[in-house]
């Protein structure tokens, strides 16, 4: 029996369920599960060598900050990483929250203007 290392590079896209209770100041935890299909499980072992992910080609997102991550589960042919991400609320503060506050303030101040002024 021998050992072959196949270091595969590629682009992974994933999605996860979100909890919007603290929107837009929310923090989320997402999982990324890597596993072998059933037909190869008897012939291959999927293992993580150093528990790290290479982020050299990671593109920053203007809505999320990538926090820490860790290897959550390491079973035979299953590797699960958990990622903590935090939303950047500035877009929502400038484009949604601030205009609503200004319009609501104008509505309140409008009640103090006498009708005779025009």
C-alpha atoms as a PDB file:
ATOM      1  CA  UNK A   1       0.000   0.000   0.000  1.00  0.00           C
ATOM      2  CA  UNK A   2       1.342   3.423  -0.889  1.00  0.00           C
ATOM      3  CA  UNK A   3       0.489   7.064  -0.532  1.00  0.00           C
ATOM      4  CA  UNK A   4      -0.309   9.575  -3.245  1.00  0.00           C
ATOM      5  CA  UNK A   5      -0.848  13.253  -2.526  1.00  0.00           C
ATOM      6  CA  UNK A   6      -3.133  15.105  -4.866  1.00  0.00           C
ATOM      7  CA  UNK A   7      -3.310  18.776  -4.049  1.00  0.00           C
ATOM      8  CA  UNK A   8      -6.240  20.081  -6.009  1.00  0.00           C
ATOM      9  CA  UNK A   9      -6.810  23.776  -6.448  1.00  0.00           C
ATOM     10  CA  UNK A  10     -10.064  25.308  -7.499  1.00  0.00           C
ATOM     11  CA  UNK A  11     -12.806  27.738  -6.726  1.00  0.00           C
ATOM     12  CA  UNK A  12     -15.367  26.666  -4.174  1.00  0.00           C
ATOM     13  CA  UNK A  13     -18.698  28.387  -3.880  1.00  0.00           C
ATOM     14  CA  UNK A  14     -21.023  27.666  -1.012  1.00  0.00           C
ATOM     15  CA  UNK A  15     -24.073  29.042   0.707  1.00  0.00           C
ATOM     16  CA  UNK A  16     -25.536  28.700   4.172  1.00  0.00           C
ATOM     17  CA  UNK A  17     -28.674  29.524   6.100  1.00  0.00           C
ATOM     18  CA  UNK A  18     -28.706  32.894   7.825  1.00  0.00           C
ATOM     19  CA  UNK A  19     -30.229  34.162  11.036  1.00  0.00           C
ATOM     20  CA  UNK A  20     -31.476  37.719  10.445  1.00  0.00           C
ATOM     21  CA  UNK A  21     -32.455  38.551  14.039  1.00  0.00           C
ATOM     22  CA  UNK A  22     -29.716  41.203  14.419  1.00  0.00           C
ATOM     23  CA  UNK A  23     -29.733  42.484  10.830  1.00  0.00           C
ATOM     24  CA  UNK A  24     -27.674  44.476   9.706  1.00  0.00           C
ATOM     25  CA  UNK A  25     -25.372  43.925  12.699  1.00  0.00           C
ATOM     26  CA  UNK A  26     -25.363  40.155  12.431  1.00  0.00           C
ATOM     27  CA  UNK A  27     -22.674  37.530  12.700  1.00  0.00           C
ATOM     28  CA  UNK A  28     -23.077  34.177  11.012  1.00  0.00           C
ATOM     29  CA  UNK A  29     -21.410  30.789  11.234  1.00  0.00           C
ATOM     30  CA  UNK A  30     -21.253  28.745   8.057  1.00  0.00           C
ATOM     31  CA  UNK A  31     -20.000  25.231   7.419  1.00  0.00           C
ATOM     32  CA  UNK A  32     -18.083  23.927   4.446  1.00  0.00           C
ATOM     33  CA  UNK A  33     -18.170  20.140   4.213  1.00  0.00           C
ATOM     34  CA  UNK A  34     -15.784  18.350   1.908  1.00  0.00           C
ATOM     35  CA  UNK A  35     -16.420  14.661   1.316  1.00  0.00           C
ATOM     36  CA  UNK A  36     -15.882  11.895  -1.168  1.00  0.00           C
ATOM     37  CA  UNK A  37     -18.680  10.396  -3.171  1.00  0.00           C
ATOM     38  CA  UNK A  38     -19.777   6.875  -2.248  1.00  0.00           C
ATOM     39  CA  UNK A  39     -18.138   5.189  -5.213  1.00  0.00           C
ATOM     40  CA  UNK A  40     -14.613   6.264  -4.130  1.00  0.00           C
ATOM     41  CA  UNK A  41     -14.878   5.790  -0.351  1.00  0.00           C
ATOM     42  CA  UNK A  42     -13.362   2.303  -0.422  1.00  0.00           C
ATOM     43  CA  UNK A  43     -10.337   3.399  -2.453  1.00  0.00           C
ATOM     44  CA  UNK A  44      -9.456   6.896  -1.206  1.00  0.00           C
ATOM     45  CA  UNK A  45      -9.009   8.670   2.102  1.00  0.00           C
ATOM     46  CA  UNK A  46      -9.724  12.392   2.302  1.00  0.00           C
ATOM     47  CA  UNK A  47      -7.558  14.037   4.965  1.00  0.00           C
ATOM     48  CA  UNK A  48      -6.545  17.558   5.926  1.00  0.00           C
ATOM     49  CA  UNK A  49      -2.776  17.855   6.217  1.00  0.00           C
ATOM     50  CA  UNK A  50      -2.305  21.053   8.204  1.00  0.00           C
ATOM     51  CA  UNK A  51      -5.871  22.213   9.037  1.00  0.00           C
ATOM     52  CA  UNK A  52      -5.306  25.483   7.168  1.00  0.00           C
ATOM     53  CA  UNK A  53      -6.922  26.985   4.097  1.00  0.00           C
ATOM     54  CA  UNK A  54      -4.935  28.935   1.532  1.00  0.00           C
ATOM     55  CA  UNK A  55      -6.517  32.391   1.116  1.00  0.00           C
ATOM     56  CA  UNK A  56      -4.045  33.814  -1.416  1.00  0.00           C
ATOM     57  CA  UNK A  57      -6.758  34.057  -4.084  1.00  0.00           C
ATOM     58  CA  UNK A  58      -9.528  35.102  -1.712  1.00  0.00           C
ATOM     59  CA  UNK A  59     -11.452  38.164  -2.876  1.00  0.00           C
ATOM     60  CA  UNK A  60     -12.666  40.484  -0.150  1.00  0.00           C
ATOM     61  CA  UNK A  61     -16.369  41.118  -0.041  1.00  0.00           C
ATOM     62  CA  UNK A  62     -17.797  44.611   0.509  1.00  0.00           C
ATOM     63  CA  UNK A  63     -20.693  43.242   2.596  1.00  0.00           C
ATOM     64  CA  UNK A  64     -18.950  40.655   4.795  1.00  0.00           C
ATOM     65  CA  UNK A  65     -15.753  40.315   6.832  1.00  0.00           C
ATOM     66  CA  UNK A  66     -14.326  36.837   7.062  1.00  0.00           C
ATOM     67  CA  UNK A  67     -13.477  36.110  10.677  1.00  0.00           C
ATOM     68  CA  UNK A  68     -11.789  33.049  12.018  1.00  0.00           C
ATOM     69  CA  UNK A  69     -12.312  29.501  10.864  1.00  0.00           C
ATOM     70  CA  UNK A  70     -11.512  26.125  12.319  1.00  0.00           C
ATOM     71  CA  UNK A  71     -11.590  22.465  11.463  1.00  0.00           C
ATOM     72  CA  UNK A  72     -14.774  21.324  13.129  1.00  0.00           C
ATOM     73  CA  UNK A  73     -15.050  17.672  12.227  1.00  0.00           C
ATOM     74  CA  UNK A  74     -12.474  15.295  10.892  1.00  0.00           C
ATOM     75  CA  UNK A  75     -13.805  11.860  10.105  1.00  0.00           C
ATOM     76  CA  UNK A  76     -12.764   9.377   7.498  1.00  0.00           C
ATOM     77  CA  UNK A  77     -13.529  10.944   4.102  1.00  0.00           C
ATOM     78  CA  UNK A  78     -15.303  13.955   5.678  1.00  0.00           C
ATOM     79  CA  UNK A  79     -13.736  17.300   6.496  1.00  0.00           C
ATOM     80  CA  UNK A  80     -15.889  20.120   7.887  1.00  0.00           C
ATOM     81  CA  UNK A  81     -14.651  23.688   8.292  1.00  0.00           C
ATOM     82  CA  UNK A  82     -16.670  26.284  10.210  1.00  0.00           C
ATOM     83  CA  UNK A  83     -16.358  29.943   9.201  1.00  0.00           C
ATOM     84  CA  UNK A  84     -17.413  32.973  11.222  1.00  0.00           C
ATOM     85  CA  UNK A  85     -18.438  35.958   9.122  1.00  0.00           C
ATOM     86  CA  UNK A  86     -19.633  39.408  10.166  1.00  0.00           C
ATOM     87  CA  UNK A  87     -21.754  41.745   8.060  1.00  0.00           C
ATOM     88  CA  UNK A  88     -20.394  45.226   7.287  1.00  0.00           C
ATOM     89  CA  UNK A  89     -23.422  47.422   8.134  1.00  0.00           C
ATOM     90  CA  UNK A  90     -22.236  50.708   6.586  1.00  0.00           C
ATOM     91  CA  UNK A  91     -24.155  50.185   3.309  1.00  0.00           C
ATOM     92  CA  UNK A  92     -27.422  49.618   5.174  1.00  0.00           C
ATOM     93  CA  UNK A  93     -26.798  52.505   7.566  1.00  0.00           C
ATOM     94  CA  UNK A  94     -26.193  54.991   4.732  1.00  0.00           C
ATOM     95  CA  UNK A  95     -28.782  53.792   2.209  1.00  0.00           C
ATOM     96  CA  UNK A  96     -31.626  52.542   4.408  1.00  0.00           C
ATOM     97  CA  UNK A  97     -31.451  53.499   8.087  1.00  0.00           C
ATOM     98  CA  UNK A  98     -30.312  57.145   7.694  1.00  0.00           C
ATOM     99  CA  UNK A  99     -32.907  58.077   4.992  1.00  0.00           C
ATOM    100  CA  UNK A 100     -35.714  56.519   7.062  1.00  0.00           C
ATOM    101  CA  UNK A 101     -34.564  58.507  10.098  1.00  0.00           C
ATOM    102  CA  UNK A 102     -34.496  61.767   8.070  1.00  0.00           C
ATOM    103  CA  UNK A 103     -37.965  61.210   6.591  1.00  0.00           C
ATOM    104  CA  UNK A 104     -39.426  60.286   9.986  1.00  0.00           C
ATOM    105  CA  UNK A 105     -37.857  63.414  11.537  1.00  0.00           C
ATOM    106  CA  UNK A 106     -39.326  65.618   8.784  1.00  0.00           C
ATOM    107  CA  UNK A 107     -42.764  64.118   9.410  1.00  0.00           C
ATOM    108  CA  UNK A 108     -42.531  64.941  13.112  1.00  0.00           C
ATOM    109  CA  UNK A 109     -41.286  68.488  12.511  1.00  0.00           C
ATOM    110  CA  UNK A 110     -44.017  69.010   9.901  1.00  0.00           C
ATOM    111  CA  UNK A 111     -46.640  68.871  12.659  1.00  0.00           C
ATOM    112  CA  UNK A 112     -45.135  71.997  14.272  1.00  0.00           C
ATOM    113  CA  UNK A 113     -45.390  74.196  11.148  1.00  0.00           C
ATOM    114  CA  UNK A 114     -48.522  76.366  11.249  1.00  0.00           C
ATOM    115  CA  UNK A 115     -50.971  75.914   8.387  1.00  0.00           C
ATOM    116  CA  UNK A 116     -51.028  79.678   7.765  1.00  0.00           C
ATOM    117  CA  UNK A 117     -47.371  79.634   6.638  1.00  0.00           C
ATOM    118  CA  UNK A 118     -48.352  77.930   3.545  1.00  0.00           C
END
